Amino acid sequence: MARKHGPFATFSPWIFGSICLIISFWVTSILIGFLWFPAMESGKKRPGFLQLICGGLGWVDNSGYAQQPAPPPVVASEVAWTDTTWKKIRSGDLQRGAAIAGSCAMCHGQQGISSADYIPNLAGLPPEIIYKQLIDYGTGKRHWAMMNAVATGLSDQNMADVAAYYASCPRNNPRGSETTTVTNSDVSRLIMDGDPMRNVVSCAACHGPEGVKTGAPPLPGQPVQYLVNQLVAFSQGTRSNDINRQMRLIVTRLTPEEIKRLAEYLGSKESKTGDR
C-alpha cells in the first residue's frame, strides 16, 4: 500500500496541541487587550497602555488625549502697518512736535543730533521709524529705562508729532567728514552680498546699498557706539522688537570684529537723508 503524503496525512497530537495552544493564546490576548483591559481602565483618569495603542490606531475614542494648546506667540512689536497706523503717522504736527521734543534735547540735541556716542541721531529719520520705536518703548517691547519712562507719558498723537518734527530736521552728520580706517572693501561683502555660507543676508537687502532705504532706519551717520550696542543687543536677544526676527537671526552669525567694522564704516558715512 502506498503511503499517503501531506501535512495532515499522519496525525500528530503534538502538532495539533501546538496549533490549539497558539489559537488559544491569541484569542485570550484579544479578549483581554480589547475587552477586559479597556473596560477596567475606562473608569480611571489615566489611560492604559493598550488603550493608547488602540487609540492611535483609531480603534477606540482618544478624544480625551487632545494635544495641549500651544503657548501664545511672542509678539515683537504692537505696531501693525495698517492704513490707520499710516494715517496717524501722517497726522503729525511739526509745531506740536517741536514743543514736545524740547524735553528730549538734553539727550538727542536741539535738532536731533546727539553729542553722545551711545545715543542715536533722530534728525532726518523717517517719521514711521521714530513712531514705531516710541510705540515699542511705550509698550515695553524695547527696553531702555529712560525712554520707557518718556514714551509711556506720550499719547499716540504726541508720538506722531515728535516723529514729524525730527523727520523735518536737517541731518548734518558731524561724523561724516571724519576719516575712518575701515575701507569699503572690508565691509562691502557683508553690506552688498552678505555671507551665503553662513546664511547671513546682506545689509542692503533691508537697509539699501548705502544703508538708506525707504521703510528701514538709515544707518549712515549714526554714532558708532550706538550701532555696536544695538547689534550686540540683537545678537544677545536683549533687543527683540524686530518684527520678523531678521536682525536677531542675522547678527548672531556675525563675529564681534565684523560688528565693530560695520559700525565704524556706517558711522563714518555721510547720510543721504538730508536731502529729503
C-alpha atoms as a PDB file:
ATOM      1  CA  MET A   1       0.000   0.000   0.000  1.00  0.00           C
ATOM      2  CA  ALA A   2       1.336   3.364  -0.951  1.00  0.00           C
ATOM      3  CA  ARG A   3       1.905   5.830   1.866  1.00  0.00           C
ATOM      4  CA  LYS A   4      -0.221   8.966   1.859  1.00  0.00           C
ATOM      5  CA  HIS A   5       1.591  12.268   1.691  1.00  0.00           C
ATOM      6  CA  GLY A   6       0.547  15.719   3.009  1.00  0.00           C
ATOM      7  CA  PRO A   7       0.733  17.838   6.179  1.00  0.00           C
ATOM      8  CA  PHE A   8      -2.198  16.020   7.796  1.00  0.00           C
ATOM      9  CA  ALA A   9      -1.594  12.597   6.332  1.00  0.00           C
ATOM     10  CA  THR A  10      -0.113  11.402   9.605  1.00  0.00           C
ATOM     11  CA  PHE A  11      -1.933  12.611  12.723  1.00  0.00           C
ATOM     12  CA  SER A  12       0.381  14.012  15.389  1.00  0.00           C
ATOM     13  CA  PRO A  13      -1.065  15.059  18.757  1.00  0.00           C
ATOM     14  CA  TRP A  14       1.914  17.393  19.323  1.00  0.00           C
ATOM     15  CA  ILE A  15       1.245  19.396  16.174  1.00  0.00           C
ATOM     16  CA  PHE A  16      -2.462  19.551  16.909  1.00  0.00           C
ATOM     17  CA  GLY A  17      -1.807  20.607  20.500  1.00  0.00           C
ATOM     18  CA  SER A  18       0.614  23.338  19.435  1.00  0.00           C
ATOM     19  CA  ILE A  19      -1.893  24.768  16.974  1.00  0.00           C
ATOM     20  CA  CYS A  20      -4.635  24.786  19.587  1.00  0.00           C
ATOM     21  CA  LEU A  21      -2.304  26.416  22.114  1.00  0.00           C
ATOM     22  CA  ILE A  22      -1.389  29.241  19.713  1.00  0.00           C
ATOM     23  CA  ILE A  23      -5.013  29.841  18.793  1.00  0.00           C
ATOM     24  CA  SER A  24      -5.999  29.895  22.460  1.00  0.00           C
ATOM     25  CA  PHE A  25      -3.215  32.357  23.238  1.00  0.00           C
ATOM     26  CA  TRP A  26      -4.304  34.806  20.534  1.00  0.00           C
ATOM     27  CA  VAL A  27      -7.982  34.559  21.443  1.00  0.00           C
ATOM     28  CA  THR A  28      -7.186  35.168  25.099  1.00  0.00           C
ATOM     29  CA  SER A  29      -4.919  38.123  24.258  1.00  0.00           C
ATOM     30  CA  ILE A  30      -7.596  39.717  22.086  1.00  0.00           C
ATOM     31  CA  LEU A  31     -10.268  39.284  24.762  1.00  0.00           C
ATOM     32  CA  ILE A  32      -8.010  40.738  27.460  1.00  0.00           C
ATOM     33  CA  GLY A  33      -6.498  43.520  25.367  1.00  0.00           C
ATOM     34  CA  PHE A  34      -9.585  44.769  23.587  1.00  0.00           C
ATOM     35  CA  LEU A  35     -12.421  43.922  26.010  1.00  0.00           C
ATOM     36  CA  TRP A  36     -11.456  43.268  29.614  1.00  0.00           C
ATOM     37  CA  PHE A  37      -8.432  45.577  29.956  1.00  0.00           C
ATOM     38  CA  PRO A  38     -10.029  48.674  28.351  1.00  0.00           C
ATOM     39  CA  ALA A  39     -13.159  48.083  30.448  1.00  0.00           C
ATOM     40  CA  MET A  40     -11.074  48.005  33.629  1.00  0.00           C
ATOM     41  CA  GLU A  41      -9.165  51.144  32.608  1.00  0.00           C
ATOM     42  CA  SER A  42     -12.201  53.142  31.462  1.00  0.00           C
ATOM     43  CA  GLY A  43     -13.055  54.202  34.981  1.00  0.00           C
ATOM     44  CA  LYS A  44      -9.614  55.657  35.613  1.00  0.00           C
ATOM     45  CA  LYS A  45      -8.434  59.135  34.681  1.00  0.00           C
ATOM     46  CA  ARG A  46      -5.115  57.834  33.432  1.00  0.00           C
ATOM     47  CA  PRO A  47      -5.395  55.850  30.172  1.00  0.00           C
ATOM     48  CA  GLY A  48      -3.994  52.362  29.919  1.00  0.00           C
ATOM     49  CA  PHE A  49      -1.090  51.453  27.736  1.00  0.00           C
ATOM     50  CA  LEU A  50      -3.127  49.285  25.394  1.00  0.00           C
ATOM     51  CA  GLN A  51      -5.806  51.956  25.215  1.00  0.00           C
ATOM     52  CA  LEU A  52      -3.242  54.418  23.949  1.00  0.00           C
ATOM     53  CA  ILE A  53      -2.101  51.972  21.282  1.00  0.00           C
ATOM     54  CA  CYS A  54      -5.648  51.230  20.184  1.00  0.00           C
ATOM     55  CA  GLY A  55      -6.475  54.923  20.209  1.00  0.00           C
ATOM     56  CA  GLY A  56      -3.543  55.635  17.980  1.00  0.00           C
ATOM     57  CA  LEU A  57      -4.856  53.068  15.525  1.00  0.00           C
ATOM     58  CA  GLY A  58      -8.316  54.633  15.661  1.00  0.00           C
ATOM     59  CA  TRP A  59      -9.974  51.633  17.348  1.00  0.00           C
ATOM     60  CA  VAL A  60     -11.123  53.480  20.486  1.00  0.00           C
ATOM     61  CA  ASP A  61     -12.077  57.038  21.358  1.00  0.00           C
ATOM     62  CA  ASN A  62      -8.961  59.030  22.228  1.00  0.00           C
ATOM     63  CA  SER A  63     -10.520  62.497  22.191  1.00  0.00           C
ATOM     64  CA  GLY A  64      -9.538  62.904  25.817  1.00  0.00           C
ATOM     65  CA  TYR A  65      -5.884  62.935  24.853  1.00  0.00           C
ATOM     66  CA  ALA A  66      -6.066  66.018  22.660  1.00  0.00           C
ATOM     67  CA  GLN A  67      -2.853  67.960  22.297  1.00  0.00           C
ATOM     68  CA  GLN A  68      -2.323  70.680  24.853  1.00  0.00           C
ATOM     69  CA  PRO A  69      -2.753  74.221  23.486  1.00  0.00           C
ATOM     70  CA  ALA A  70       0.467  75.784  22.244  1.00  0.00           C
ATOM     71  CA  PRO A  71       1.898  78.751  24.191  1.00  0.00           C
ATOM     72  CA  PRO A  72       0.913  82.159  22.852  1.00  0.00           C
ATOM     73  CA  PRO A  73       3.322  83.535  20.231  1.00  0.00           C
ATOM     74  CA  VAL A  74       5.854  86.136  21.304  1.00  0.00           C
ATOM     75  CA  VAL A  75       4.867  89.473  19.784  1.00  0.00           C
ATOM     76  CA  ALA A  76       7.918  91.566  18.876  1.00  0.00           C
ATOM     77  CA  SER A  77       6.009  94.833  18.399  1.00  0.00           C
ATOM     78  CA  GLU A  78       2.489  96.131  18.879  1.00  0.00           C
ATOM     79  CA  VAL A  79       2.773  98.207  15.708  1.00  0.00           C
ATOM     80  CA  ALA A  80       0.751  96.932  12.757  1.00  0.00           C
ATOM     81  CA  TRP A  81       1.349  98.677   9.450  1.00  0.00           C
ATOM     82  CA  THR A  82      -2.299  99.260   8.647  1.00  0.00           C
ATOM     83  CA  ASP A  83      -3.940 102.238   6.930  1.00  0.00           C
ATOM     84  CA  THR A  84      -4.905 103.513  10.381  1.00  0.00           C
ATOM     85  CA  THR A  85      -1.270 103.476  11.509  1.00  0.00           C
ATOM     86  CA  TRP A  86      -0.070 105.353   8.424  1.00  0.00           C
ATOM     87  CA  LYS A  87      -2.877 107.874   8.803  1.00  0.00           C
ATOM     88  CA  LYS A  88      -1.807 108.515  12.398  1.00  0.00           C
ATOM     89  CA  ILE A  89       1.838 108.980  11.370  1.00  0.00           C
ATOM     90  CA  ARG A  90       0.910 111.426   8.611  1.00  0.00           C
ATOM     91  CA  SER A  91      -1.184 113.439  11.050  1.00  0.00           C
ATOM     92  CA  GLY A  92       1.938 114.510  12.960  1.00  0.00           C
ATOM     93  CA  ASP A  93       2.189 118.255  13.549  1.00  0.00           C
ATOM     94  CA  LEU A  94       5.619 119.903  13.387  1.00  0.00           C
ATOM     95  CA  GLN A  95       4.815 122.717  15.810  1.00  0.00           C
ATOM     96  CA  ARG A  96       3.383 120.458  18.472  1.00  0.00           C
ATOM     97  CA  GLY A  97       6.246 118.027  17.920  1.00  0.00           C
ATOM     98  CA  ALA A  98       8.853 120.775  18.388  1.00  0.00           C
ATOM     99  CA  ALA A  99       7.278 121.751  21.706  1.00  0.00           C
ATOM    100  CA  ILE A 100       7.239 118.156  22.955  1.00  0.00           C
ATOM    101  CA  ALA A 101      10.779 117.488  21.700  1.00  0.00           C
ATOM    102  CA  GLY A 102      12.105 120.300  23.880  1.00  0.00           C
ATOM    103  CA  SER A 103      12.370 117.814  26.741  1.00  0.00           C
ATOM    104  CA  CYS A 104      14.354 115.435  24.503  1.00  0.00           C
ATOM    105  CA  ALA A 105      17.103 117.961  23.710  1.00  0.00           C
ATOM    106  CA  MET A 106      19.232 117.007  26.706  1.00  0.00           C
ATOM    107  CA  CYS A 107      19.956 113.597  25.160  1.00  0.00           C
ATOM    108  CA  HIS A 108      19.168 113.939  21.458  1.00  0.00           C
ATOM    109  CA  GLY A 109      20.269 117.543  20.897  1.00  0.00           C
ATOM    110  CA  GLN A 110      18.250 120.615  19.952  1.00  0.00           C
ATOM    111  CA  GLN A 111      17.609 119.367  16.425  1.00  0.00           C
ATOM    112  CA  GLY A 112      18.059 115.667  16.835  1.00  0.00           C
ATOM    113  CA  ILE A 113      21.850 115.437  16.586  1.00  0.00           C
ATOM    114  CA  SER A 114      23.242 113.736  19.665  1.00  0.00           C
ATOM    115  CA  SER A 115      26.557 114.674  21.216  1.00  0.00           C
ATOM    116  CA  ALA A 116      26.878 111.303  22.964  1.00  0.00           C
ATOM    117  CA  ASP A 117      28.244 108.322  21.083  1.00  0.00           C
ATOM    118  CA  TYR A 118      25.724 105.892  22.563  1.00  0.00           C
ATOM    119  CA  ILE A 119      22.573 107.947  21.779  1.00  0.00           C
ATOM    120  CA  PRO A 120      21.111 107.831  18.252  1.00  0.00           C
ATOM    121  CA  ASN A 121      20.675 110.811  15.965  1.00  0.00           C
ATOM    122  CA  LEU A 122      16.997 111.420  15.193  1.00  0.00           C
ATOM    123  CA  ALA A 123      17.281 114.283  12.709  1.00  0.00           C
ATOM    124  CA  GLY A 124      16.078 113.314   9.253  1.00  0.00           C
ATOM    125  CA  LEU A 125      14.908 109.845  10.216  1.00  0.00           C
ATOM    126  CA  PRO A 126      11.682 108.710   8.508  1.00  0.00           C
ATOM    127  CA  PRO A 127       8.725 109.525  10.782  1.00  0.00           C
ATOM    128  CA  GLU A 128       7.467 105.929  10.741  1.00  0.00           C
ATOM    129  CA  ILE A 129      10.792 104.751  12.165  1.00  0.00           C
ATOM    130  CA  ILE A 130      10.652 107.164  15.099  1.00  0.00           C
ATOM    131  CA  TYR A 131       6.968 106.466  15.671  1.00  0.00           C
ATOM    132  CA  LYS A 132       7.484 102.694  15.817  1.00  0.00           C
ATOM    133  CA  GLN A 133      10.363 102.927  18.265  1.00  0.00           C
ATOM    134  CA  LEU A 134       8.363 105.212  20.554  1.00  0.00           C
ATOM    135  CA  ILE A 135       5.453 102.776  20.470  1.00  0.00           C
ATOM    136  CA  ASP A 136       7.821  99.898  21.251  1.00  0.00           C
ATOM    137  CA  TYR A 137       9.315 101.800  24.183  1.00  0.00           C
ATOM    138  CA  GLY A 138       5.847 102.685  25.470  1.00  0.00           C
ATOM    139  CA  THR A 139       4.611  99.089  25.279  1.00  0.00           C
ATOM    140  CA  GLY A 140       7.795  97.597  26.724  1.00  0.00           C
ATOM    141  CA  LYS A 141       8.812  95.829  23.510  1.00  0.00           C
ATOM    142  CA  ARG A 142      12.085  97.737  23.560  1.00  0.00           C
ATOM    143  CA  HIS A 143      13.923  98.367  26.799  1.00  0.00           C
ATOM    144  CA  TRP A 144      15.788 101.446  27.952  1.00  0.00           C
ATOM    145  CA  ALA A 145      14.716 102.799  31.333  1.00  0.00           C
ATOM    146  CA  MET A 146      14.691 106.498  30.450  1.00  0.00           C
ATOM    147  CA  MET A 147      12.974 106.010  27.100  1.00  0.00           C
ATOM    148  CA  ASN A 148      10.416 103.648  28.617  1.00  0.00           C
ATOM    149  CA  ALA A 149       9.517 106.326  31.151  1.00  0.00           C
ATOM    150  CA  VAL A 150       9.301 109.053  28.488  1.00  0.00           C
ATOM    151  CA  ALA A 151       7.292 107.019  25.981  1.00  0.00           C
ATOM    152  CA  THR A 152       4.693 105.846  28.495  1.00  0.00           C
ATOM    153  CA  GLY A 153       3.830 109.503  29.105  1.00  0.00           C
ATOM    154  CA  LEU A 154       3.146 110.201  25.424  1.00  0.00           C
ATOM    155  CA  SER A 155      -0.085 109.596  23.545  1.00  0.00           C
ATOM    156  CA  ASP A 156      -0.113 108.143  20.036  1.00  0.00           C
ATOM    157  CA  GLN A 157      -0.680 111.630  18.658  1.00  0.00           C
ATOM    158  CA  ASN A 158       2.247 113.002  20.683  1.00  0.00           C
ATOM    159  CA  MET A 159       4.472 110.310  19.195  1.00  0.00           C
ATOM    160  CA  ALA A 160       3.325 111.150  15.679  1.00  0.00           C
ATOM    161  CA  ASP A 161       4.010 114.856  16.338  1.00  0.00           C
ATOM    162  CA  VAL A 162       7.518 114.188  17.672  1.00  0.00           C
ATOM    163  CA  ALA A 163       8.247 111.880  14.733  1.00  0.00           C
ATOM    164  CA  ALA A 164       7.126 114.548  12.259  1.00  0.00           C
ATOM    165  CA  TYR A 165       9.323 117.172  13.918  1.00  0.00           C
ATOM    166  CA  TYR A 166      12.540 115.132  13.962  1.00  0.00           C
ATOM    167  CA  ALA A 167      11.925 113.906  10.420  1.00  0.00           C
ATOM    168  CA  SER A 168      11.898 117.555   9.285  1.00  0.00           C
ATOM    169  CA  CYS A 169      15.208 118.424  10.950  1.00  0.00           C
ATOM    170  CA  PRO A 170      18.298 118.624   8.689  1.00  0.00           C
ATOM    171  CA  ARG A 171      20.636 115.740   9.177  1.00  0.00           C
ATOM    172  CA  ASN A 172      24.082 117.281   9.153  1.00  0.00           C
ATOM    173  CA  ASN A 173      26.269 114.428  10.221  1.00  0.00           C
ATOM    174  CA  PRO A 174      29.217 115.782  12.259  1.00  0.00           C
ATOM    175  CA  ARG A 175      30.948 112.418  11.938  1.00  0.00           C
ATOM    176  CA  GLY A 176      30.540 112.097   8.199  1.00  0.00           C
ATOM    177  CA  SER A 177      33.675 114.062   7.407  1.00  0.00           C
ATOM    178  CA  GLU A 178      35.867 112.042   9.734  1.00  0.00           C
ATOM    179  CA  THR A 179      38.465 109.755   8.245  1.00  0.00           C
ATOM    180  CA  THR A 180      37.943 106.097   9.010  1.00  0.00           C
ATOM    181  CA  THR A 181      40.447 103.267   8.890  1.00  0.00           C
ATOM    182  CA  VAL A 182      37.749 100.906   7.653  1.00  0.00           C
ATOM    183  CA  THR A 183      37.786 100.728   3.870  1.00  0.00           C
ATOM    184  CA  ASN A 184      34.840  99.842   1.694  1.00  0.00           C
ATOM    185  CA  SER A 185      36.383  96.521   0.748  1.00  0.00           C
ATOM    186  CA  ASP A 186      36.399  95.415   4.395  1.00  0.00           C
ATOM    187  CA  VAL A 187      32.649  95.567   4.773  1.00  0.00           C
ATOM    188  CA  SER A 188      31.223  95.774   1.245  1.00  0.00           C
ATOM    189  CA  ARG A 189      30.864  91.999   1.117  1.00  0.00           C
ATOM    190  CA  LEU A 190      28.588  91.980   4.140  1.00  0.00           C
ATOM    191  CA  ILE A 191      26.682  95.105   3.103  1.00  0.00           C
ATOM    192  CA  MET A 192      26.116  94.172  -0.530  1.00  0.00           C
ATOM    193  CA  ASP A 193      26.309  90.376  -0.650  1.00  0.00           C
ATOM    194  CA  GLY A 194      26.184  89.088   2.905  1.00  0.00           C
ATOM    195  CA  ASP A 195      27.733  85.687   3.503  1.00  0.00           C
ATOM    196  CA  PRO A 196      25.654  82.843   1.978  1.00  0.00           C
ATOM    197  CA  MET A 197      27.901  80.168   3.502  1.00  0.00           C
ATOM    198  CA  ARG A 198      26.836  81.344   6.974  1.00  0.00           C
ATOM    199  CA  ASN A 199      23.289  82.218   5.921  1.00  0.00           C
ATOM    200  CA  VAL A 200      23.972  85.921   6.540  1.00  0.00           C
ATOM    201  CA  VAL A 201      21.689  88.147   4.477  1.00  0.00           C
ATOM    202  CA  SER A 202      23.218  91.368   3.170  1.00  0.00           C
ATOM    203  CA  CYS A 203      22.535  94.647   4.993  1.00  0.00           C
ATOM    204  CA  ALA A 204      21.447  96.120   1.658  1.00  0.00           C
ATOM    205  CA  ALA A 205      18.507  93.720   1.463  1.00  0.00           C
ATOM    206  CA  CYS A 206      16.698  95.737   4.142  1.00  0.00           C
ATOM    207  CA  HIS A 207      18.663  98.970   4.569  1.00  0.00           C
ATOM    208  CA  GLY A 208      19.658  99.668   0.979  1.00  0.00           C
ATOM    209  CA  PRO A 209      23.104  99.620  -0.705  1.00  0.00           C
ATOM    210  CA  GLU A 210      24.322 102.644   1.241  1.00  0.00           C
ATOM    211  CA  GLY A 211      22.367 101.961   4.398  1.00  0.00           C
ATOM    212  CA  VAL A 212      19.420 104.054   3.209  1.00  0.00           C
ATOM    213  CA  LYS A 213      16.121 102.542   2.066  1.00  0.00           C
ATOM    214  CA  THR A 214      12.505 103.615   2.465  1.00  0.00           C
ATOM    215  CA  GLY A 215      10.866 101.872   5.398  1.00  0.00           C
ATOM    216  CA  ALA A 216      14.128 100.932   7.133  1.00  0.00           C
ATOM    217  CA  PRO A 217      16.117 103.040   9.576  1.00  0.00           C
ATOM    218  CA  PRO A 218      19.008 104.883   7.862  1.00  0.00           C
ATOM    219  CA  LEU A 219      22.333 103.662   9.187  1.00  0.00           C
ATOM    220  CA  PRO A 220      24.957 106.111   7.858  1.00  0.00           C
ATOM    221  CA  GLY A 221      25.928 108.816  10.278  1.00  0.00           C
ATOM    222  CA  GLN A 222      24.664 107.107  13.413  1.00  0.00           C
ATOM    223  CA  PRO A 223      27.094 107.085  16.358  1.00  0.00           C
ATOM    224  CA  VAL A 224      29.465 104.147  16.180  1.00  0.00           C
ATOM    225  CA  GLN A 225      28.979 103.038  19.765  1.00  0.00           C
ATOM    226  CA  TYR A 226      25.206 103.195  19.360  1.00  0.00           C
ATOM    227  CA  LEU A 227      25.391 100.929  16.309  1.00  0.00           C
ATOM    228  CA  VAL A 228      27.654  98.496  18.134  1.00  0.00           C
ATOM    229  CA  ASN A 229      25.358  98.452  21.172  1.00  0.00           C
ATOM    230  CA  GLN A 230      22.275  97.719  19.070  1.00  0.00           C
ATOM    231  CA  LEU A 231      23.931  94.978  17.033  1.00  0.00           C
ATOM    232  CA  VAL A 232      25.196  93.322  20.204  1.00  0.00           C
ATOM    233  CA  ALA A 233      21.748  93.682  21.810  1.00  0.00           C
ATOM    234  CA  PHE A 234      20.124  91.967  18.827  1.00  0.00           C
ATOM    235  CA  SER A 235      22.714  89.184  18.883  1.00  0.00           C
ATOM    236  CA  GLN A 236      22.169  88.585  22.612  1.00  0.00           C
ATOM    237  CA  GLY A 237      18.391  88.870  22.397  1.00  0.00           C
ATOM    238  CA  THR A 238      18.181  91.814  24.805  1.00  0.00           C
ATOM    239  CA  ARG A 239      16.629  93.810  21.970  1.00  0.00           C
ATOM    240  CA  SER A 240      13.847  91.918  20.222  1.00  0.00           C
ATOM    241  CA  ASN A 241      11.494  94.426  18.588  1.00  0.00           C
ATOM    242  CA  ASP A 242      12.411  93.402  15.042  1.00  0.00           C
ATOM    243  CA  ILE A 243       9.053  92.113  13.851  1.00  0.00           C
ATOM    244  CA  ASN A 244      10.282  89.194  11.753  1.00  0.00           C
ATOM    245  CA  ARG A 245      13.416  88.459  13.832  1.00  0.00           C
ATOM    246  CA  GLN A 246      15.530  89.410  10.827  1.00  0.00           C
ATOM    247  CA  MET A 247      18.116  91.315  12.864  1.00  0.00           C
ATOM    248  CA  ARG A 248      18.383  88.677  15.576  1.00  0.00           C
ATOM    249  CA  LEU A 249      18.782  85.864  13.073  1.00  0.00           C
ATOM    250  CA  ILE A 250      21.484  87.647  11.084  1.00  0.00           C
ATOM    251  CA  VAL A 251      23.589  89.356  13.757  1.00  0.00           C
ATOM    252  CA  THR A 252      24.004  86.178  15.802  1.00  0.00           C
ATOM    253  CA  ARG A 253      26.098  84.860  12.905  1.00  0.00           C
ATOM    254  CA  LEU A 254      28.472  87.828  12.852  1.00  0.00           C
ATOM    255  CA  THR A 255      31.714  87.952  14.774  1.00  0.00           C
ATOM    256  CA  PRO A 256      32.431  90.766  17.252  1.00  0.00           C
ATOM    257  CA  GLU A 257      35.076  92.088  14.862  1.00  0.00           C
ATOM    258  CA  GLU A 258      32.583  92.212  11.983  1.00  0.00           C
ATOM    259  CA  ILE A 259      30.091  94.067  14.159  1.00  0.00           C
ATOM    260  CA  LYS A 260      32.720  96.619  15.085  1.00  0.00           C
ATOM    261  CA  ARG A 261      33.843  97.153  11.491  1.00  0.00           C
ATOM    262  CA  LEU A 262      30.300  97.536  10.202  1.00  0.00           C
ATOM    263  CA  ALA A 263      29.534 100.120  12.902  1.00  0.00           C
ATOM    264  CA  GLU A 264      32.716 102.075  12.207  1.00  0.00           C
ATOM    265  CA  TYR A 265      32.113 102.109   8.482  1.00  0.00           C
ATOM    266  CA  LEU A 266      28.443 103.118   8.668  1.00  0.00           C
ATOM    267  CA  GLY A 267      29.124 105.676  11.390  1.00  0.00           C
ATOM    268  CA  SER A 268      31.679 107.391   9.187  1.00  0.00           C
ATOM    269  CA  LYS A 269      29.447 107.539   6.114  1.00  0.00           C
ATOM    270  CA  GLU A 270      27.739 110.769   5.096  1.00  0.00           C
ATOM    271  CA  SER A 271      23.992 110.419   5.460  1.00  0.00           C
ATOM    272  CA  LYS A 272      21.990 110.956   2.283  1.00  0.00           C
ATOM    273  CA  THR A 273      18.692 111.573   4.043  1.00  0.00           C
ATOM    274  CA  GLY A 274      19.371 115.247   4.498  1.00  0.00           C
ATOM    275  CA  ASP A 275      18.069 115.951   1.004  1.00  0.00           C
ATOM    276  CA  ARG A 276      14.655 114.574   1.789  1.00  0.00           C
END
